[in-house]
């Protein structure tokens, strides 16, 4: 019997990158509805409003600007990006969760952005 090839175990980082690639294949940002891209590390969370057609970042917010835990940062970053998007004239966006599960900090950020007036 032939030997089956050994399957390499994937790290969490590789698995998240695969999920993100699947998500990005389906969504894209425009000037009217930019992509709200979320990224996070163990210490910070940050977001950008990106117009993929022009390749421009319209607005951004980073957890480094705020103090507290990652959950508190997510809420503050969500409020900040909603405020900055209004200044840039953007009211609607396409949410790109970046391959992360829609729970905890990602959900808190999205809810705070919605409360701030950003729709997606």
Protein backbone atom coordinates (compact mmCIF):
# COMPACT_ATOMS: atom_id res chain seq x y z
CA UNK A 1 0.00 0.00 0.00
CA UNK A 2 1.32 3.46 -0.81
CA UNK A 3 2.11 5.79 2.04
CA UNK A 4 -0.15 8.80 2.43
CA UNK A 5 1.65 12.13 2.68
CA UNK A 6 1.91 13.55 6.15
CA UNK A 7 -0.30 16.56 6.68
CA UNK A 8 1.43 19.46 8.38
CA UNK A 9 -0.31 20.93 11.36
CA UNK A 10 -1.27 24.52 10.77
CA UNK A 11 -0.67 27.24 13.30
CA UNK A 12 -3.45 29.51 14.46
CA UNK A 13 -1.85 32.34 12.51
CA UNK A 14 -1.94 30.34 9.27
CA UNK A 15 -5.54 29.31 9.83
CA UNK A 16 -6.59 32.92 10.48
CA UNK A 17 -4.79 33.99 7.30
CA UNK A 18 -6.76 31.40 5.32
CA UNK A 19 -10.05 32.62 6.78
CA UNK A 20 -9.09 36.22 6.01
CA UNK A 21 -8.28 35.28 2.43
CA UNK A 22 -11.74 33.71 2.02
CA UNK A 23 -13.41 36.81 3.47
CA UNK A 24 -11.39 39.19 1.26
CA UNK A 25 -12.34 37.22 -1.85
CA UNK A 26 -15.96 38.19 -1.24
CA UNK A 27 -15.76 41.82 -0.08
CA UNK A 28 -14.16 45.00 -1.35
CA UNK A 29 -14.38 48.64 -0.34
CA UNK A 30 -15.35 51.56 -2.54
CA UNK A 31 -15.34 55.32 -2.00
CA UNK A 32 -19.06 55.21 -1.05
CA UNK A 33 -18.73 52.10 1.14
CA UNK A 34 -15.13 51.59 2.23
CA UNK A 35 -13.92 48.41 3.89
CA UNK A 36 -13.63 48.61 7.69
CA UNK A 37 -10.60 46.35 8.22
CA UNK A 38 -9.89 45.09 11.76
CA UNK A 39 -6.53 43.84 13.02
CA UNK A 40 -5.44 42.92 16.51
CA UNK A 41 -2.59 41.62 18.58
CA UNK A 42 -2.39 40.51 22.19
CA UNK A 43 -2.00 44.14 23.31
CA UNK A 44 -3.78 46.33 20.76
CA UNK A 45 -6.63 46.49 18.29
CA UNK A 46 -6.81 48.83 15.30
CA UNK A 47 -9.06 49.55 12.33
CA UNK A 48 -8.85 51.28 8.98
CA UNK A 49 -11.44 52.51 6.51
CA UNK A 50 -10.01 51.51 3.14
CA UNK A 51 -11.09 52.42 -0.39
CA UNK A 52 -9.82 49.36 -2.29
CA UNK A 53 -10.60 50.84 -5.71
CA UNK A 54 -8.30 53.84 -5.20
CA UNK A 55 -6.01 52.06 -2.73
CA UNK A 56 -6.41 54.77 -0.07
CA UNK A 57 -6.90 54.68 3.67
CA UNK A 58 -9.69 57.12 4.50
CA UNK A 59 -9.52 56.98 8.30
CA UNK A 60 -7.92 54.86 11.00
CA UNK A 61 -7.89 54.36 14.77
CA UNK A 62 -5.48 52.45 16.99
CA UNK A 63 -5.83 51.07 20.50
CA UNK A 64 -2.51 52.70 21.40
CA UNK A 65 -4.43 55.99 21.62
CA UNK A 66 -6.50 54.62 24.51
CA UNK A 67 -5.64 52.91 27.77
CA UNK A 68 -7.19 49.83 29.29
CA UNK A 69 -7.77 46.22 28.40
CA UNK A 70 -8.26 44.97 24.86
CA UNK A 71 -12.04 44.94 25.34
CA UNK A 72 -12.11 48.57 26.49
CA UNK A 73 -9.76 49.53 23.66
CA UNK A 74 -12.11 47.87 21.16
CA UNK A 75 -15.04 49.97 22.33
CA UNK A 76 -13.02 53.20 22.23
CA UNK A 77 -11.54 52.38 18.81
CA UNK A 78 -15.05 51.65 17.49
CA UNK A 79 -16.31 55.03 18.72
CA UNK A 80 -13.24 56.80 17.32
CA UNK A 81 -13.53 55.26 13.85
CA UNK A 82 -17.22 56.17 13.69
CA UNK A 83 -16.39 59.78 14.58
CA UNK A 84 -13.50 59.96 12.10
CA UNK A 85 -15.58 58.41 9.34
CA UNK A 86 -18.23 61.11 9.82
CA UNK A 87 -15.53 63.78 9.45
CA UNK A 88 -14.41 62.08 6.22
CA UNK A 89 -17.99 62.00 4.94
CA UNK A 90 -18.48 58.24 5.20
CA UNK A 91 -21.66 56.86 6.76
CA UNK A 92 -21.65 53.25 5.49
CA UNK A 93 -18.91 50.62 5.35
CA UNK A 94 -18.30 46.95 4.61
CA UNK A 95 -17.09 45.12 7.73
CA UNK A 96 -13.92 43.04 7.30
CA UNK A 97 -13.37 41.04 10.46
CA UNK A 98 -9.92 39.99 9.28
CA UNK A 99 -10.42 36.27 9.75
CA UNK A 100 -11.13 36.71 13.45
CA UNK A 101 -14.24 35.19 15.02
CA UNK A 102 -17.09 37.68 15.39
CA UNK A 103 -17.15 37.67 19.19
CA UNK A 104 -15.51 39.41 22.14
CA UNK A 105 -13.37 42.38 21.00
CA UNK A 106 -14.40 42.24 17.33
CA UNK A 107 -18.09 42.31 18.23
CA UNK A 108 -17.54 45.09 20.80
CA UNK A 109 -15.73 47.19 18.20
CA UNK A 110 -18.47 46.65 15.60
CA UNK A 111 -21.24 47.48 18.09
CA UNK A 112 -19.46 50.66 19.20
CA UNK A 113 -18.97 51.75 15.57
CA UNK A 114 -22.67 51.15 14.88
CA UNK A 115 -23.65 53.16 17.96
CA UNK A 116 -21.41 55.96 16.70
CA UNK A 117 -23.43 56.13 13.47
CA UNK A 118 -21.48 53.91 11.07
CA UNK A 119 -23.68 51.40 9.23
CA UNK A 120 -22.65 48.03 7.84
